[in-house]
Every structure is written in structure tokens, then in C-alpha cells.
Protein backbone atom coordinates (compact mmCIF):
# COMPACT_ATOMS: atom_id res chain seq x y z
CA UNK A 1 98.34 80.76 81.82
CA UNK A 2 98.17 77.19 83.09
CA UNK A 3 94.79 77.34 84.77
CA UNK A 4 92.00 79.62 86.10
CA UNK A 5 91.43 80.28 89.67
CA UNK A 6 88.09 79.78 91.18
CA UNK A 7 85.93 82.61 92.17
CA UNK A 8 86.25 83.33 95.83
CA UNK A 9 83.69 81.34 97.96
CA UNK A 10 84.65 83.44 101.07
CA UNK A 11 81.46 84.53 102.82
CA UNK A 12 83.27 87.20 104.76
CA UNK A 13 83.17 90.12 102.02
CA UNK A 14 84.38 93.55 103.19
CA UNK A 15 82.43 96.78 102.04
CA UNK A 16 82.87 97.40 98.37
CA UNK A 17 84.79 100.54 98.85
CA UNK A 18 86.96 101.49 95.85
CA UNK A 19 88.82 104.09 98.03
CA UNK A 20 89.75 101.77 100.97
CA UNK A 21 93.50 102.04 100.26
CA UNK A 22 93.61 105.61 100.65
CA UNK A 23 95.37 106.43 103.94
CA UNK A 24 95.25 102.72 104.77
CA UNK A 25 97.80 101.04 107.18
CA UNK A 26 99.28 97.94 105.55
CA UNK A 27 100.94 95.38 107.70
CA UNK A 28 103.77 93.54 105.72
CA UNK A 29 104.16 89.71 106.52
CA UNK A 30 107.43 88.07 105.52
CA UNK A 31 105.88 84.53 105.50
CA UNK A 32 109.18 82.53 106.17
CA UNK A 33 109.55 84.34 109.45
CA UNK A 34 106.04 85.42 110.67
CA UNK A 35 104.67 81.83 112.23
CA UNK A 36 105.56 78.22 111.58
CA UNK A 37 102.66 75.96 112.13
CA UNK A 38 104.11 72.47 111.35
CA UNK A 39 107.65 72.42 113.22
CA UNK A 40 109.78 72.56 110.18
CA UNK A 41 111.42 75.97 111.16
CA UNK A 42 109.82 77.95 108.24
CA UNK A 43 106.82 80.12 108.55
CA UNK A 44 103.77 79.26 106.46
CA UNK A 45 100.19 80.10 105.61
CA UNK A 46 98.73 78.18 108.43
CA UNK A 47 100.92 80.17 110.72
CA UNK A 48 99.67 83.44 109.33
CA UNK A 49 96.11 82.34 109.89
CA UNK A 50 96.74 81.59 113.47
CA UNK A 51 98.42 85.15 113.99
CA UNK A 52 96.05 87.46 112.08
CA UNK A 53 94.36 88.46 115.37
CA UNK A 54 97.51 90.31 116.29
CA UNK A 55 97.39 92.51 113.40
CA UNK A 56 93.78 93.38 113.72
CA UNK A 57 94.25 94.35 117.27
CA UNK A 58 97.20 96.53 116.14
CA UNK A 59 94.63 98.44 114.05
CA UNK A 60 95.94 97.84 110.66
CA UNK A 61 93.61 97.86 107.64
CA UNK A 62 95.34 95.43 105.22
CA UNK A 63 98.06 92.86 105.03
CA UNK A 64 100.63 92.45 102.38
CA UNK A 65 102.23 89.00 102.09
CA UNK A 66 105.63 88.61 100.67
CA UNK A 67 105.88 85.87 98.02
CA UNK A 68 104.66 82.50 98.83
CA UNK A 69 104.55 81.13 95.11
CA UNK A 70 106.24 77.99 93.89
CA UNK A 71 109.85 78.84 93.75
CA UNK A 72 113.49 77.31 93.89
CA UNK A 73 114.05 79.92 96.63
CA UNK A 74 117.35 81.23 95.36
CA UNK A 75 115.86 84.53 96.32
CA UNK A 76 113.46 83.39 98.88
CA UNK A 77 110.44 83.64 96.63
CA UNK A 78 111.24 86.65 94.53
CA UNK A 79 112.33 84.11 91.98
CA UNK A 80 108.95 82.63 90.92
CA UNK A 81 108.59 79.41 88.94
CA UNK A 82 104.60 79.20 89.07
CA UNK A 83 102.71 82.31 89.66
CA UNK A 84 99.44 80.57 90.43
CA UNK A 85 100.24 78.03 93.02
CA UNK A 86 101.63 78.00 96.57
CA UNK A 87 105.04 76.57 97.44
CA UNK A 88 104.75 73.40 99.39
CA UNK A 89 106.80 74.91 102.15
CA UNK A 90 104.21 77.35 102.71
CA UNK A 91 101.07 75.18 102.21
CA UNK A 92 98.46 74.78 99.54
CA UNK A 93 95.98 77.17 97.51
CA UNK A 94 93.36 75.95 100.36
CA UNK A 95 95.58 77.36 102.90
CA UNK A 96 95.81 80.65 101.17
CA UNK A 97 92.15 80.64 100.83
CA UNK A 98 91.89 80.29 104.58
CA UNK A 99 94.20 83.21 104.96
CA UNK A 100 91.74 85.43 102.88
CA UNK A 101 88.73 84.18 104.73
CA UNK A 102 90.24 84.76 108.24
CA UNK A 103 91.52 88.17 107.41
CA UNK A 104 88.22 89.34 105.89
CA UNK A 105 86.58 88.00 108.99
CA UNK A 106 88.81 90.25 111.01
CA UNK A 107 88.21 93.29 108.64
CA UNK A 108 91.65 93.09 107.11
CA UNK A 109 92.23 93.44 103.31
CA UNK A 110 94.63 90.97 101.78
CA UNK A 111 97.51 92.23 99.31
CA UNK A 112 100.07 89.90 97.97
CA UNK A 113 103.43 90.38 96.36
CA UNK A 114 103.57 90.19 92.68
CA UNK A 115 107.06 89.94 91.04
CA UNK A 116 106.36 90.73 87.40
CA UNK A 117 109.66 92.02 86.14
CA UNK A 118 111.39 88.67 86.18
CA UNK A 119 110.96 85.11 86.86
CA UNK A 120 113.06 82.18 88.13
CA UNK A 121 115.13 80.29 85.42
CA UNK A 122 113.06 77.41 86.36
CA UNK A 123 109.74 78.81 85.18
CA UNK A 124 108.49 76.90 82.27
CA UNK A 125 108.18 80.00 80.38
CA UNK A 126 112.00 80.38 80.64
CA UNK A 127 112.74 76.74 79.94
CA UNK A 128 110.91 77.05 76.54
CA UNK A 129 112.35 80.41 75.75
CA UNK A 130 115.86 79.37 76.20
CA UNK A 131 115.57 76.33 73.76
CA UNK A 132 116.09 78.07 70.66
CA UNK A 133 115.36 81.45 68.89
CA UNK A 134 112.26 80.25 67.08
CA UNK A 135 110.03 78.74 69.74
CA UNK A 136 106.67 80.26 70.80
CA UNK A 137 108.11 81.87 73.84
CA UNK A 138 111.41 82.86 72.21
CA UNK A 139 110.65 86.55 72.76
CA UNK A 140 109.33 86.30 76.27
CA UNK A 141 112.64 87.23 77.99
CA UNK A 142 115.14 90.10 77.26
CA UNK A 143 117.66 88.29 74.96
CA UNK A 144 120.48 90.26 73.02
CA UNK A 145 123.43 89.33 70.80
CA UNK A 146 127.00 89.76 72.21
CA UNK A 147 129.17 92.44 70.88
CA UNK A 148 131.46 91.26 68.24
CA UNK A 149 134.09 90.48 70.93
CA UNK A 150 131.78 88.24 72.57
CA UNK A 151 131.13 90.65 75.63
CA UNK A 152 127.67 91.61 76.89
CA UNK A 153 125.54 94.01 74.75
CA UNK A 154 125.89 97.00 77.09
CA UNK A 155 127.25 98.21 80.33
CA UNK A 156 124.32 97.56 82.52
CA UNK A 157 124.88 96.31 86.04
CA UNK A 158 122.88 93.85 88.35
CA UNK A 159 121.61 95.11 91.55
CA UNK A 160 123.28 92.15 93.20
CA UNK A 161 126.72 92.93 91.66
CA UNK A 162 128.48 92.51 88.31
CA UNK A 163 127.02 92.54 84.77
CA UNK A 164 123.35 92.36 84.29
CA UNK A 165 123.87 90.11 81.43
CA UNK A 166 124.34 86.29 81.57
CA UNK A 167 125.58 83.93 78.72
CA UNK A 168 123.28 81.20 77.53
CA UNK A 169 124.91 78.63 75.26
CA UNK A 170 121.69 77.07 73.96
CA UNK A 171 120.80 80.41 72.04
CA UNK A 172 124.35 81.78 71.96
CA UNK A 173 122.85 84.98 73.41
CA UNK A 174 122.93 87.12 76.62
CA UNK A 175 119.77 87.15 78.74
CA UNK A 176 119.20 90.19 81.10
CA UNK A 177 118.88 89.96 84.81
CA UNK A 178 118.72 92.86 86.88
CA UNK A 179 119.00 90.74 90.08
CA UNK A 180 120.48 87.10 90.39
CA UNK A 181 121.61 85.36 87.23
CA UNK A 182 118.69 82.82 88.12
CA UNK A 183 116.26 85.65 87.75
CA UNK A 184 115.84 86.36 83.91
CA UNK A 185 114.03 89.56 83.06
CA UNK A 186 110.67 89.22 81.27
CA UNK A 187 110.34 91.13 78.07
CA UNK A 188 107.20 93.25 78.50
CA UNK A 189 107.61 94.90 75.19
CA UNK A 190 106.27 91.54 74.09
CA UNK A 191 102.42 91.85 74.21
CA UNK A 192 101.81 88.13 75.10
CA UNK A 193 104.04 88.53 78.17
CA UNK A 194 101.89 91.48 79.31
CA UNK A 195 98.66 89.62 78.87
CA UNK A 196 100.10 86.59 80.82
CA UNK A 197 100.92 88.66 83.72
CA UNK A 198 97.46 90.42 83.72
CA UNK A 199 95.97 86.99 83.79
CA UNK A 200 98.20 86.24 87.03
CA UNK A 201 96.56 89.21 88.60
CA UNK A 202 93.08 88.04 87.42
CA UNK A 203 93.93 84.50 88.97
CA UNK A 204 94.38 86.03 92.46
CA UNK A 205 91.71 88.64 92.24
CA UNK A 206 89.17 85.70 91.64
CA UNK A 207 90.58 84.01 94.67
CA UNK A 208 89.58 87.02 96.75
CA UNK A 209 92.70 89.12 97.04
CA UNK A 210 91.97 92.85 97.55
CA UNK A 211 95.18 93.98 95.85
CA UNK A 212 99.00 93.66 95.13
CA UNK A 213 102.33 94.91 96.26
CA UNK A 214 104.21 95.22 92.85
CA UNK A 215 107.97 94.36 93.32
CA UNK A 216 110.44 96.56 91.43
CA UNK A 217 107.49 98.27 89.57
CA UNK A 218 109.93 100.46 87.61
CA UNK A 219 112.05 97.68 86.39
CA UNK A 220 109.26 96.09 84.21
CA UNK A 221 110.61 97.68 80.86
CA UNK A 222 114.18 98.00 79.61
CA UNK A 223 115.24 100.24 76.73
CA UNK A 224 114.38 98.48 73.59
CA UNK A 225 117.73 99.74 71.96
CA UNK A 226 119.63 98.71 74.97
CA UNK A 227 121.67 101.83 75.05
CA UNK A 228 124.56 102.17 77.57
CA UNK A 229 123.81 103.73 81.04
CA UNK A 230 125.80 106.88 81.57
CA UNK A 231 128.21 107.05 84.60
CA UNK A 232 126.97 108.79 87.77
CA UNK A 233 129.53 111.22 89.45
CA UNK A 234 130.86 109.93 92.74
CA UNK A 235 129.24 112.75 94.70
CA UNK A 236 125.71 111.79 93.55
CA UNK A 237 125.87 108.08 94.44
CA UNK A 238 123.50 106.91 97.04
CA UNK A 239 123.43 103.54 98.48
CA UNK A 240 119.70 103.58 99.46
CA UNK A 241 119.13 100.73 96.40
CA UNK A 242 122.31 99.07 96.80
CA UNK A 243 125.29 98.99 99.23
CA UNK A 244 128.15 101.46 98.63
CA UNK A 245 130.57 98.49 97.97
CA UNK A 246 128.45 97.58 94.99
CA UNK A 247 129.34 98.94 91.53
CA UNK A 248 125.51 99.27 90.73
CA UNK A 249 125.91 102.78 92.24
CA UNK A 250 128.49 104.06 89.71
CA UNK A 251 125.72 104.27 87.03
CA UNK A 252 122.68 106.63 86.44
CA UNK A 253 120.24 103.96 85.28
CA UNK A 254 118.58 105.73 82.62
CA UNK A 255 117.86 103.09 80.15
CA UNK A 256 117.94 99.73 82.11
CA UNK A 257 114.58 100.84 83.96
CA UNK A 258 112.08 103.72 84.35
CA UNK A 259 111.12 103.42 80.71
CA UNK A 260 108.01 105.36 79.43
CA UNK A 261 106.33 102.31 78.02
CA UNK A 262 105.67 101.22 81.76
CA UNK A 263 102.73 103.92 81.99
CA UNK A 264 100.58 102.30 79.37
CA UNK A 265 101.20 98.90 81.11
CA UNK A 266 100.05 100.23 84.34
CA UNK A 267 96.93 101.45 82.75
CA UNK A 268 96.22 98.14 81.78
CA UNK A 269 96.77 96.74 85.04
CA UNK A 270 94.60 99.20 86.73
CA UNK A 271 91.77 98.18 84.48
CA UNK A 272 92.28 94.79 85.60
CA UNK A 273 92.02 95.96 89.33
CA UNK A 274 89.08 98.39 89.05
CA UNK A 275 86.11 95.63 88.58
CA UNK A 276 87.34 94.26 92.04
CA UNK A 277 87.73 97.34 93.85
CA UNK A 278 91.35 96.22 94.24
CA UNK A 279 94.37 98.29 94.70
CA UNK A 280 98.06 98.24 94.11
CA UNK A 281 101.18 99.67 95.83
CA UNK A 282 104.43 99.76 93.75
CA UNK A 283 107.94 99.67 94.89
CA UNK A 284 110.05 102.25 93.17
CA UNK A 285 113.67 101.44 93.40
CA UNK A 286 115.44 104.48 92.27
CA UNK A 287 118.00 106.50 94.20
CA UNK A 288 117.73 109.57 91.95
CA UNK A 289 114.27 110.11 90.76
CA UNK A 290 112.18 107.89 93.17
CA UNK A 291 109.72 110.60 94.21
CA UNK A 292 109.21 111.64 90.70
CA UNK A 293 108.72 108.32 89.30
CA UNK A 294 106.08 107.61 92.27
CA UNK A 295 104.32 110.67 91.37
CA UNK A 296 104.25 109.79 87.64
CA UNK A 297 102.94 106.19 88.43
CA UNK A 298 100.22 107.30 90.88
CA UNK A 299 98.85 110.57 89.52
CA UNK A 300 95.73 110.76 87.10
CA UNK A 301 93.69 107.98 88.62
CA UNK A 302 94.35 105.61 85.71
CA UNK A 303 97.52 103.76 86.85
CA UNK A 304 98.51 102.22 90.23
CA UNK A 305 96.93 103.79 93.33
CA UNK A 306 100.03 104.08 95.51
CA UNK A 307 103.83 103.70 95.40
CA UNK A 308 106.55 103.95 97.93
CA UNK A 309 109.86 105.48 97.07
CA UNK A 310 112.97 104.86 99.17
CA UNK A 311 113.16 108.24 100.71
CA UNK A 312 112.29 107.01 104.17
CA UNK A 313 114.16 103.78 103.67
CA UNK A 314 117.61 105.26 103.19
CA UNK A 315 120.42 104.90 105.61
CA UNK A 316 120.47 108.54 106.66
CA UNK A 317 117.80 109.32 109.50
CA UNK A 318 114.86 111.42 108.58
CA UNK A 319 115.38 115.03 109.59
CA UNK A 320 112.91 117.90 109.51
CA UNK A 321 114.46 119.53 106.44
CA UNK A 322 114.50 116.21 104.58
CA UNK A 323 110.69 115.82 105.32
CA UNK A 324 110.05 119.33 103.92
CA UNK A 325 112.15 118.63 100.91
CA UNK A 326 110.51 115.32 100.14
CA UNK A 327 106.88 116.79 100.14
CA UNK A 328 107.95 119.73 98.31
CA UNK A 329 109.51 117.54 95.46
CA UNK A 330 106.40 115.31 95.51
CA UNK A 331 103.92 118.24 95.09
CA UNK A 332 105.96 119.66 92.37
CA UNK A 333 105.99 116.28 90.51
CA UNK A 334 102.23 115.72 90.66
CA UNK A 335 99.96 117.27 93.49
CA UNK A 336 97.57 114.31 93.31
CA UNK A 337 100.28 111.58 93.61
CA UNK A 338 99.51 109.18 96.50
CA UNK A 339 102.64 107.85 98.44
CA UNK A 340 102.87 104.89 100.74
CA UNK A 341 105.37 105.61 103.40
CA UNK A 342 107.67 103.11 105.22
CA UNK A 343 110.55 103.22 107.41
CA UNK A 344 111.43 99.30 107.23
CA UNK A 345 110.97 96.24 105.12
CA UNK A 346 112.47 93.04 104.46
CA UNK A 347 115.10 94.54 102.21
CA UNK A 348 116.60 97.11 104.63
CA UNK A 349 118.20 97.29 107.89
CA UNK A 350 115.50 97.86 110.50
CA UNK A 351 115.22 101.58 111.04
CA UNK A 352 115.75 101.48 114.89
CA UNK A 353 119.21 100.19 114.07
CA UNK A 354 119.67 102.06 110.71
CA UNK A 355 118.98 105.33 112.42
CA UNK A 356 120.40 104.47 115.71
CA UNK A 357 117.30 105.38 117.53
CA UNK A 358 116.31 105.36 121.33
CA UNK A 359 113.07 104.19 122.50
CA UNK A 360 111.80 108.02 122.67
CA UNK A 361 112.94 108.62 119.07
CA UNK A 362 111.42 105.36 117.73
CA UNK A 363 107.94 106.39 119.25
CA UNK A 364 108.40 109.95 117.87
CA UNK A 365 109.06 108.45 114.36
CA UNK A 366 106.05 106.11 114.59
CA UNK A 367 103.73 108.94 115.66
CA UNK A 368 105.06 111.00 112.82
CA UNK A 369 104.41 108.23 110.32
CA UNK A 370 100.75 108.06 111.17
CA UNK A 371 100.17 111.79 110.77
CA UNK A 372 101.83 112.00 107.18
CA UNK A 373 99.60 112.22 104.12
CA UNK A 374 99.62 109.02 102.11
CA UNK A 375 99.32 105.35 103.01
CA UNK A 376 101.46 103.48 105.29
CA UNK A 377 103.43 100.11 105.51
CA UNK A 378 104.56 98.67 108.80
CA UNK A 379 107.08 95.75 108.72
CA UNK A 380 106.47 92.83 111.06
CA UNK A 381 108.24 93.46 114.34
CA UNK A 382 108.27 97.17 113.64
CA UNK A 383 105.60 97.52 116.26
CA UNK A 384 107.81 95.87 118.75
CA UNK A 385 110.89 98.25 118.04
CA UNK A 386 112.91 95.17 116.92
CA UNK A 387 116.53 96.21 116.24
CA UNK A 388 118.50 94.61 113.41
CA UNK A 389 119.62 91.07 114.30
CA UNK A 390 123.39 90.68 114.48
CA UNK A 391 124.23 87.37 112.50
CA UNK A 392 127.60 85.61 111.96
CA UNK A 393 128.82 84.85 108.52
CA UNK A 394 127.99 81.15 108.79
CA UNK A 395 124.29 81.98 109.73
CA UNK A 396 123.63 83.82 106.59
CA UNK A 397 120.99 82.79 103.88
CA UNK A 398 120.87 85.81 101.96
CA UNK A 399 122.91 85.36 98.72
CA UNK A 400 123.37 89.25 98.52
CA UNK A 401 124.83 89.32 101.94
CA UNK A 402 127.11 86.23 101.15
CA UNK A 403 128.28 88.26 98.00
CA UNK A 404 129.41 91.39 99.85
CA UNK A 405 130.11 90.23 103.40
CA UNK A 406 131.47 91.80 105.74
CA UNK A 407 131.15 95.33 104.19
CA UNK A 408 127.55 94.53 103.57
CA UNK A 409 125.75 91.83 105.71
CA UNK A 410 122.65 91.46 103.55
CA UNK A 411 119.13 91.32 104.55
CA UNK A 412 118.93 88.54 106.79
CA UNK A 413 119.21 90.74 109.92
CA UNK A 414 115.75 92.16 109.15
CA UNK A 415 114.27 88.80 108.16
CA UNK A 416 114.74 86.80 111.30
CA UNK A 417 111.70 85.36 112.93
CA UNK A 418 108.89 87.22 114.72
CA UNK A 419 109.13 86.98 118.47
CA UNK A 420 105.75 86.09 120.14
CA UNK A 421 106.72 85.08 123.58
CA UNK A 422 109.76 85.41 125.70
CA UNK A 423 110.10 82.00 127.39
CA UNK A 424 111.54 79.81 124.78
CA UNK A 425 114.53 80.16 122.55
CA UNK A 426 112.61 80.60 119.04
CA UNK A 427 110.39 83.23 120.60
CA UNK A 428 107.18 80.99 119.92
CA UNK A 429 107.92 81.01 116.20
CA UNK A 430 108.42 77.45 115.71
CA UNK A 431 108.63 74.26 117.76
CA UNK A 432 111.73 73.17 115.49
CA UNK A 433 114.91 74.93 114.42
CA UNK A 434 114.05 78.28 112.78
CA UNK A 435 115.43 78.85 109.32
CA UNK A 436 117.19 81.95 110.68
CA UNK A 437 118.17 82.14 114.35
CA UNK A 438 116.06 84.25 116.97
CA UNK A 439 118.63 86.36 118.63
CA UNK A 440 118.72 86.90 122.41
CA UNK A 441 118.15 90.63 122.38
CA UNK A 442 114.67 90.18 120.61
CA UNK A 443 113.19 87.97 123.26
CA UNK A 444 112.50 90.41 125.84
CA UNK A 445 110.55 92.50 123.17
CA UNK A 446 108.16 89.87 122.38
CA UNK A 447 104.36 90.31 121.96
CA UNK A 448 103.65 88.54 125.20
CA UNK A 449 106.12 90.71 126.89
CA UNK A 450 104.78 94.06 125.63
CA UNK A 451 101.14 93.33 125.77
CA UNK A 452 99.19 95.13 128.56
CA UNK A 453 102.31 97.46 129.29
CA UNK A 454 101.12 101.13 128.78
CA UNK A 455 104.74 102.30 128.17
CA UNK A 456 105.63 99.64 125.71
CA UNK A 457 106.49 100.15 122.03
CA UNK A 458 103.52 97.78 121.08
CA UNK A 459 101.03 99.90 123.20
CA UNK A 460 102.46 102.96 121.46
CA UNK A 461 101.82 101.62 117.96
CA UNK A 462 98.30 100.61 118.85
CA UNK A 463 97.64 104.15 120.33
CA UNK A 464 99.13 105.72 117.10
CA UNK A 465 96.96 103.69 114.50
CA UNK A 466 93.96 104.29 116.83
CA UNK A 467 94.71 107.93 116.57
CA UNK A 468 94.91 107.76 112.70
CA UNK A 469 91.47 105.78 112.65
CA UNK A 470 89.83 108.36 115.11
CA UNK A 471 90.66 111.34 112.90
CA UNK A 472 89.83 110.76 109.20
CA UNK A 473 91.55 113.94 108.26
CA UNK A 474 94.90 111.93 109.12
CA UNK A 475 94.12 109.37 106.56
CA UNK A 476 92.80 111.65 103.76
CA UNK A 477 93.19 115.34 104.44
CA UNK A 478 95.58 117.79 102.85
CA UNK A 479 98.97 118.38 104.20
CA UNK A 480 99.97 122.17 104.24
CA UNK A 481 102.34 124.49 105.74
CA UNK A 482 104.97 122.00 106.02
CA UNK A 483 108.10 123.66 107.61
CA UNK A 484 111.33 122.92 109.35
CA UNK A 485 112.79 125.18 112.06
CA UNK A 486 115.94 123.55 113.37
CA UNK A 487 115.08 120.01 114.32
CA UNK A 488 111.37 120.76 114.48
CA UNK A 489 109.09 119.75 111.60
CA UNK A 490 105.56 121.10 111.58
CA UNK A 491 102.53 120.99 109.32
CA UNK A 492 98.67 121.14 109.27
CA UNK A 493 96.39 118.36 108.06
CA UNK A 494 93.02 119.79 106.84
CA UNK A 495 89.81 118.65 105.34
CA UNK A 496 87.22 116.97 107.70
CA UNK A 497 88.65 119.02 110.66
CA UNK A 498 92.14 120.36 111.04
CA UNK A 499 95.01 118.96 113.08
CA UNK A 500 98.34 120.66 113.78
CA UNK A 501 101.40 118.51 114.18
CA UNK A 502 104.75 119.38 115.38
CA UNK A 503 107.70 117.07 116.02
CA UNK A 504 111.06 117.75 117.57
CA UNK A 505 113.55 115.39 115.86
CA UNK A 506 116.36 116.33 118.12
CA UNK A 507 117.66 116.18 121.67
CA UNK A 508 117.42 119.94 122.58
CA UNK A 509 114.20 121.53 124.10
CA UNK A 510 112.57 123.93 121.88
CA UNK A 511 109.30 126.24 121.76
CA UNK A 512 106.82 126.05 118.94
CA UNK A 513 104.10 128.52 118.03
CA UNK A 514 100.77 127.17 117.09
CA UNK A 515 98.71 128.80 114.18
CA UNK A 516 96.22 131.49 115.06
CA UNK A 517 93.03 130.20 116.44
CA UNK A 518 91.97 127.97 119.38
CA UNK A 519 93.42 124.56 119.69
CA UNK A 520 92.99 121.48 121.89
CA UNK A 521 95.79 118.98 122.47
CA UNK A 522 94.90 115.38 121.40
CA UNK A 523 97.09 112.22 121.56
CA UNK A 524 97.99 112.50 125.11
CA UNK A 525 98.65 108.81 125.19
CA UNK A 526 101.28 109.57 122.59
CA UNK A 527 103.14 111.87 124.68
CA UNK A 528 101.47 114.93 123.01
CA UNK A 529 102.17 118.18 124.98
CA UNK A 530 99.51 120.53 126.42
CA UNK A 531 98.83 123.58 124.42
CA UNK A 532 98.62 126.94 126.17
CA UNK A 533 98.62 130.55 125.16
CA UNK A 534 99.22 129.49 121.38
CA UNK A 535 102.54 128.00 122.43
CA UNK A 536 104.11 124.75 123.29
CA UNK A 537 107.36 123.64 124.65
CA UNK A 538 108.82 120.43 123.09
CA UNK A 539 111.45 118.56 125.09
CA UNK A 540 113.91 116.11 123.22
CA UNK A 541 111.95 114.01 120.81
CA UNK A 542 108.69 115.76 121.86
CA UNK A 543 105.43 116.06 119.83
CA UNK A 544 102.49 118.41 119.86
CA UNK A 545 99.16 117.16 118.27
CA UNK A 546 96.34 119.77 118.46
CA UNK A 547 92.90 119.86 116.93
CA UNK A 548 91.37 123.08 115.89
CA UNK A 549 88.26 123.96 118.05
């Protein structure tokens, strides 16, 4: 590592609670699109500082900031060229320190996005590694000999389309890239690579961060023998990881990710976190075994604290039977596993559009989310009910969308700027031209327009998060008797008290029986129905929340 970070001088230190993450609500900030402070049309760290009050008023416990590190921005920061500095477009290390200080003043923990599976091809590590086969960093990336006919060493595919291997004439070898060709994969089988990445984590922990979101956590290791992936039958293909037009879905990715060696590295990573009471949430990108991998990585108390699988990020709307199946699979894999649920993020179509939700349905799903066992991630603008922005081909920035347009329009529709006010064309995001356009349908949904309106989506999210805070059993209690009857999902949260939850995820009125005993309705501000005679009638998208007396 090039340098050490200073110990944080931040005077605002939150309570030293090693369990702060359990049941926490984490608000994701996509920094390019949150708030611009200097008029260049790109959001930055100074802008984040100026808008942290909004997140605190929402009732979140922590923020997760997507990458702001030095980068050529081929994949908008997920291609890192310096892990220990801030890209000038976002500010400076001093600006980052200001984010930490202000967040802590407001009672918000700070998590940052670490991309440890790959770097940019402009990272100094790769510049040295590609020079020849004998330099000190020759083994820091996944290099492989071609087959005798000159073709790639195996059949692995890139998430962004085509072969996962790129020829390098300097070494006369192929280098692995699970994403863009400019994002070569690090070789974590090589111990010095692991130590360098752990040093990166230490650098930021010393600056005062409270944890990390770990990008593509199950991609850290590739099969050391580089065996071919088997094909996946068409009927089993799932486009939650890649769009259906991408041949990536034609394989079962048995050897290109999800390797057992990752468990020991995650134990090393946890050992770095523990002295700081820091936490990590991993992104598990796997369409077939996401829940099981999440359980494996979070069970036992010695690996990462949380992971989020893609079960609630998939194109198909979450139904009552799917909810039951999801928790049954998780329980079977590891009863102590700890998920981090989310409906939307910077890589997916916003769930309001993906699931074709009405306002009533969007509010119902928000209430459902805050009652689930696990921690939660909210994506900026989710609390406003923002739909996916409809962009034209010439407005795209995302290389993924450019590659597969028009069948797949990429990720830019979920990455357009946050809308703070209604009365200017950029929604208060910038005084310049925004890097992605602010679309007219978003402006009436701005923070200013919804603040103080009791029936607004923003008011509903604030009330939902307040309910979770007011009832600790919703944050940390057990989740029992999960059942589906038609469109109705119901369960009990038990521990410090007991709460019964029932959700009608459909358009037909239905009647629900409560468990035996005396119950009092809670959550009236969320539309929770009155309880009487042990039964409750739920209209379309209706909810019942009741506390045992």
C-alpha cells in the first residue's frame, strides 16, 4: 500500500456498539447523482455533506456511499485506480473526512463501497503486473496461457457480455475480467494480494468509517484449475444478474465464482473489522444459489455480518409464496444467517417500475420491508417513490446499456440525479448541466414537494422507519410462522414483545385470522387495519400490524 491513513480526529464518535448493524436501515448514496456542490453537473462529497440532514430525518441508521475513489470511470468508480484517495471529481480526502464528521454528528454510521474483486487496468498494480511474467506483481492478477489454438483458456463469460478473458500482448497471456475488459480480476489465491486489500480496509477504518459494502463478494476467487463452467438448461436461466439477451445466463457459474477459499479470506476480513466495531455487507451476485451463499458467508459470527442476495432485486414482483420460500431456504441453509434486504439499487431498474407498482402497492412493500428479519438497504430516491427514468439512446452513459440497447437499456435509468425541488429543471441537484438528465416525471416527486404532506411517499417511509425504531423486535426479533394464503403473507416477530404482520399483496379484499390471544393494532399512520374479534379485513394492498397485549 502506498500510504497510511491518519487516525480519525472526528470528535463525534457514536456509541461503541459491535451489534449496531443488526436490523439497521442503510441508505445508499450514489455520489455522482446525489448533490452537486460546485456546478460541474456531477455529485460530490461536499454535496453529500449538505444533504445528510435529509437522511437523518428519514430515520436511517447508516449511509453506504458508492465508490468515490480515483478511477478512469469506465464503470463509474467500480474500476478503481487508487483505493486510498478520492477522485478529484468528488473532492478530496479532507472532504471525505467532513462527510464522516457530519454523519456522526447526526447519528449516522458511514459505510463505503469496496471493490476488491478487480481493479482498473490503470491501477499501478496492474501496470506492473502486465509488464512481464517475472516482476514483483506478476501474480497479482489472474493470468492464464492460451489453449494451443490461441483461444481463451476456458469458456467463462463476462457479466457484461462475451468472453471473460482479454489477450495481453506484453505477457502473451490472457487476463481474467468478470466485468469490463478494463477491469482485470485480482488473484486472491496470492497472499500478498489479500494483505494489500486488508490494508485498504485498515486505511479507511482509521479514517473513521464504520464499515463497508463489499461489491461482488462471491467473485473474489476463481477456480485455481480454471475448469470450464457447465451449461445451464434454458428453463433454469434467470436474468436477475444479467439481462436475458446476455449469454452470461447460459452457464452455471460453478468455477468462475463462489469458490470455497473465499471463506477463509472473509474470516481475515472480519478480524480486521472487529477492533473497530465495524460491519460489512456483501453483494452476492448469483441467480441460482444466492440465498445459500449469503447464509454461508454470514453464519457462524466469524465472516461478514450481512449479505444481500438478489431475491428481492429480481424482475419478478415479490409475492406471498415467494416470501415464504425465500425465508424457508435461508433457514434451511443457516438459521443464524443475517440478510440485508433491498428492493432497488444503482444496478437494477427501480422497483416501482420493475414491478409495475401503484402508490398503494409501493407503500405496502415499504411497510413489508421494515418488518422483515434482517437489515435493510434503501436506495436514494426510493423514499420518494421515483420510477425508472426513461432515457434515449444518445443520453446513455452506462457501457452495459450501450452494449445491449435497446433490448436492455442499462442502469442509467436508476442513476439519474436526486430531485430536491420542483421549481428548476435539474431538481435542485446542480446549478450546471447534470451528467444524466433529470426527467420531468421526477420533478413533482421532489423532497420539497412531498415534505409536510401526510399522504406522500416520503411521509410513509418516515413513518415506516419510525415504526421499526419504536419496536426493537422488528429490528432483531425472530421471524416465525411465515405463511402464504393466496396473496396474503403473514408472520410473527417475537423477542422483546410480539408483533403480528399480515400483508395483502393483491387487488382482492380478503379476511385474515390473528393468532390466539389479545392484540392491539399499531401502525395506523401506515394504513394498518383495526383488529376486532380476532379477525381483520384487508382491502387491496392492505396491511395489519398488531402488538400482543
